[in-house]
N, C-alpha and C. Protein backbone atom coordinates (compact mmCIF):
# COMPACT_ATOMS: atom_id res chain seq x y z
N MET A 1 1.14 -1.37 0.10
CA MET A 1 -0.15 0.18 -0.12
C MET A 1 0.90 1.24 0.23
N ILE A 2 1.90 1.11 0.41
CA ILE A 2 2.76 2.33 0.62
C ILE A 2 3.63 2.19 -0.73
N ALA A 3 3.73 1.70 -1.57
CA ALA A 3 4.24 1.62 -2.87
C ALA A 3 2.81 2.38 -3.94
N MET A 4 1.85 2.04 -3.41
CA MET A 4 0.54 2.30 -4.16
C MET A 4 0.28 3.75 -4.11
N GLY A 5 0.51 4.18 -2.69
CA GLY A 5 0.41 5.57 -2.34
C GLY A 5 1.16 6.53 -2.82
N LEU A 6 2.40 5.81 -3.08
CA LEU A 6 3.81 7.19 -3.55
C LEU A 6 3.52 7.13 -5.12
N VAL A 7 3.03 5.91 -5.76
CA VAL A 7 2.58 5.86 -7.11
C VAL A 7 1.29 7.12 -7.50
N PHE A 8 0.37 6.86 -6.64
CA PHE A 8 -0.91 8.11 -6.76
C PHE A 8 -0.27 9.51 -6.60
N LEU A 9 0.68 9.50 -5.73
CA LEU A 9 1.08 11.23 -5.21
C LEU A 9 2.03 11.36 -6.44
N LEU A 10 2.75 10.54 -6.95
CA LEU A 10 3.50 10.98 -8.44
C LEU A 10 2.62 11.67 -9.29
N LEU A 11 1.79 10.51 -9.65
CA LEU A 11 0.99 10.72 -10.68
C LEU A 11 0.11 11.84 -10.60
N GLY A 12 -0.56 12.08 -9.25
CA GLY A 12 -1.26 13.42 -9.16
C GLY A 12 -0.58 14.70 -9.12
N PHE A 13 0.68 14.68 -8.83
CA PHE A 13 1.57 15.75 -8.54
C PHE A 13 2.03 16.24 -10.41
N PHE A 14 2.31 14.98 -10.88
CA PHE A 14 2.93 15.18 -12.36
C PHE A 14 1.59 15.60 -13.32
N LEU A 15 0.38 15.02 -12.81
CA LEU A 15 -0.62 15.03 -13.87
C LEU A 15 -1.63 16.37 -13.71
N GLN A 16 -1.28 17.07 -12.38
CA GLN A 16 -2.38 18.06 -11.48
C GLN A 16 -3.26 17.55 -11.37
N ILE A 17 -3.64 16.30 -11.28
CA ILE A 17 -4.82 16.00 -10.68
C ILE A 17 -5.19 15.85 -9.29
N PRO A 18 -5.84 16.73 -8.62
CA PRO A 18 -6.12 17.06 -7.01
C PRO A 18 -6.20 15.45 -6.51
N PHE A 19 -7.49 14.85 -7.14
CA PHE A 19 -8.06 13.36 -6.68
C PHE A 19 -7.09 12.55 -6.39
N LEU A 20 -6.13 12.50 -7.13
CA LEU A 20 -4.88 11.53 -7.09
C LEU A 20 -4.24 11.70 -6.02
N TRP A 21 -3.71 13.11 -5.96
CA TRP A 21 -3.04 13.38 -4.86
C TRP A 21 -3.75 13.26 -3.44
N SER A 22 -4.82 13.54 -3.02
CA SER A 22 -5.58 13.23 -2.40
C SER A 22 -5.63 11.81 -2.21
N LEU A 23 -5.85 10.53 -2.91
CA LEU A 23 -5.88 9.65 -2.81
C LEU A 23 -4.47 8.79 -2.48
N GLY A 24 -3.40 9.28 -2.85
CA GLY A 24 -2.18 8.91 -2.46
C GLY A 24 -1.75 9.13 -1.40
N VAL A 25 -2.26 10.27 -0.58
CA VAL A 25 -1.91 10.73 0.93
C VAL A 25 -2.64 9.82 1.66
N VAL A 26 -4.10 9.74 1.44
CA VAL A 26 -4.55 8.29 2.44
C VAL A 26 -4.25 7.04 2.18
N VAL A 27 -3.86 6.66 1.23
CA VAL A 27 -3.25 5.27 0.82
C VAL A 27 -1.88 5.05 1.62
N LEU A 28 -1.05 6.23 1.49
CA LEU A 28 0.26 6.24 2.16
C LEU A 28 -0.05 6.29 3.67
N ILE A 29 -0.90 6.83 4.47
CA ILE A 29 -1.07 6.94 5.43
C ILE A 29 -1.18 5.47 6.20
N ILE A 30 -2.36 5.14 5.55
CA ILE A 30 -3.07 3.87 5.85
C ILE A 30 -1.94 2.81 5.80
N GLY A 31 -1.28 2.70 4.67
CA GLY A 31 0.22 1.79 4.47
C GLY A 31 1.05 1.80 5.47
N VAL A 32 1.49 2.99 6.02
CA VAL A 32 2.26 3.10 6.94
C VAL A 32 1.92 3.04 8.33
N VAL A 33 0.66 2.90 8.79
CA VAL A 33 -0.15 2.88 9.84
C VAL A 33 -0.05 1.13 10.00
N LEU A 34 -0.50 0.73 8.75
CA LEU A 34 -0.61 -1.14 8.73
C LEU A 34 0.74 -1.69 9.05
N TRP A 35 1.94 -0.97 8.13
CA TRP A 35 3.09 -1.34 8.12
C TRP A 35 3.52 -1.44 10.11
N THR A 36 3.23 -0.06 10.62
CA THR A 36 3.81 0.32 12.03
C THR A 36 3.41 -1.07 12.74
N LEU A 37 2.17 -1.04 12.64
CA LEU A 37 1.35 -2.34 13.58
C LEU A 37 1.85 -3.68 13.26
N GLY A 38 2.06 -3.72 11.99
CA GLY A 38 2.76 -5.17 11.66
C GLY A 38 4.18 -5.19 12.24
N ALA A 39 5.06 -4.50 12.10
CA ALA A 39 6.41 -4.12 12.45
C ALA A 39 6.32 -4.36 14.05
N LEU A 40 5.27 -4.28 14.87
CA LEU A 40 5.13 -4.08 16.24
C LEU A 40 4.59 -5.34 17.10
N GLY A 41 4.15 -6.24 16.26
CA GLY A 41 3.99 -7.45 16.15
C GLY A 41 2.09 -7.55 16.40
N HIS A 42 1.72 -6.38 16.16
CA HIS A 42 0.12 -6.76 16.62
C HIS A 42 -0.65 -7.43 15.21
N ALA A 43 -1.38 -7.98 15.60
CA ALA A 43 -2.28 -8.54 14.53
C ALA A 43 -3.38 -7.52 13.80
N VAL A 44 -3.33 -7.33 12.51
CA VAL A 44 -4.01 -6.51 11.82
C VAL A 44 -5.40 -7.29 11.24
N GLY A 45 -6.40 -6.94 11.48
CA GLY A 45 -7.46 -7.84 10.71
C GLY A 45 -7.58 -9.20 10.98
N GLY A 46 -7.34 -9.43 12.27
CA GLY A 46 -7.64 -10.79 12.81
C GLY A 46 -6.23 -11.85 12.41
N ARG A 47 -5.23 -11.27 11.79
CA ARG A 47 -4.26 -11.93 11.07
C ARG A 47 -2.92 -11.45 11.51
N ARG A 48 -1.88 -12.27 11.71
CA ARG A 48 -0.61 -11.85 12.37
C ARG A 48 0.40 -11.66 11.02
N HIS A 49 0.11 -12.69 9.97
CA HIS A 49 0.85 -12.70 8.89
C HIS A 49 0.09 -12.62 7.47
N TYR A 50 0.27 -12.00 6.63
CA TYR A 50 -0.33 -12.02 5.22
C TYR A 50 0.34 -12.69 4.07
N PHE A 51 1.40 -13.72 4.34
CA PHE A 51 1.88 -14.52 3.42
C PHE A 51 1.62 -15.82 3.48
């Protein structure tokens, strides 16, 4: 989700599309929160691992 958020941010910036910029920020924040929770060992969505 972090990579997808960065792609949306870059596309929104270069194509001057504010919706993609906003979507990128939201997806990036969600990805960072999920990554942090997973790194701390907390189960996210009832699952400890997603592989």
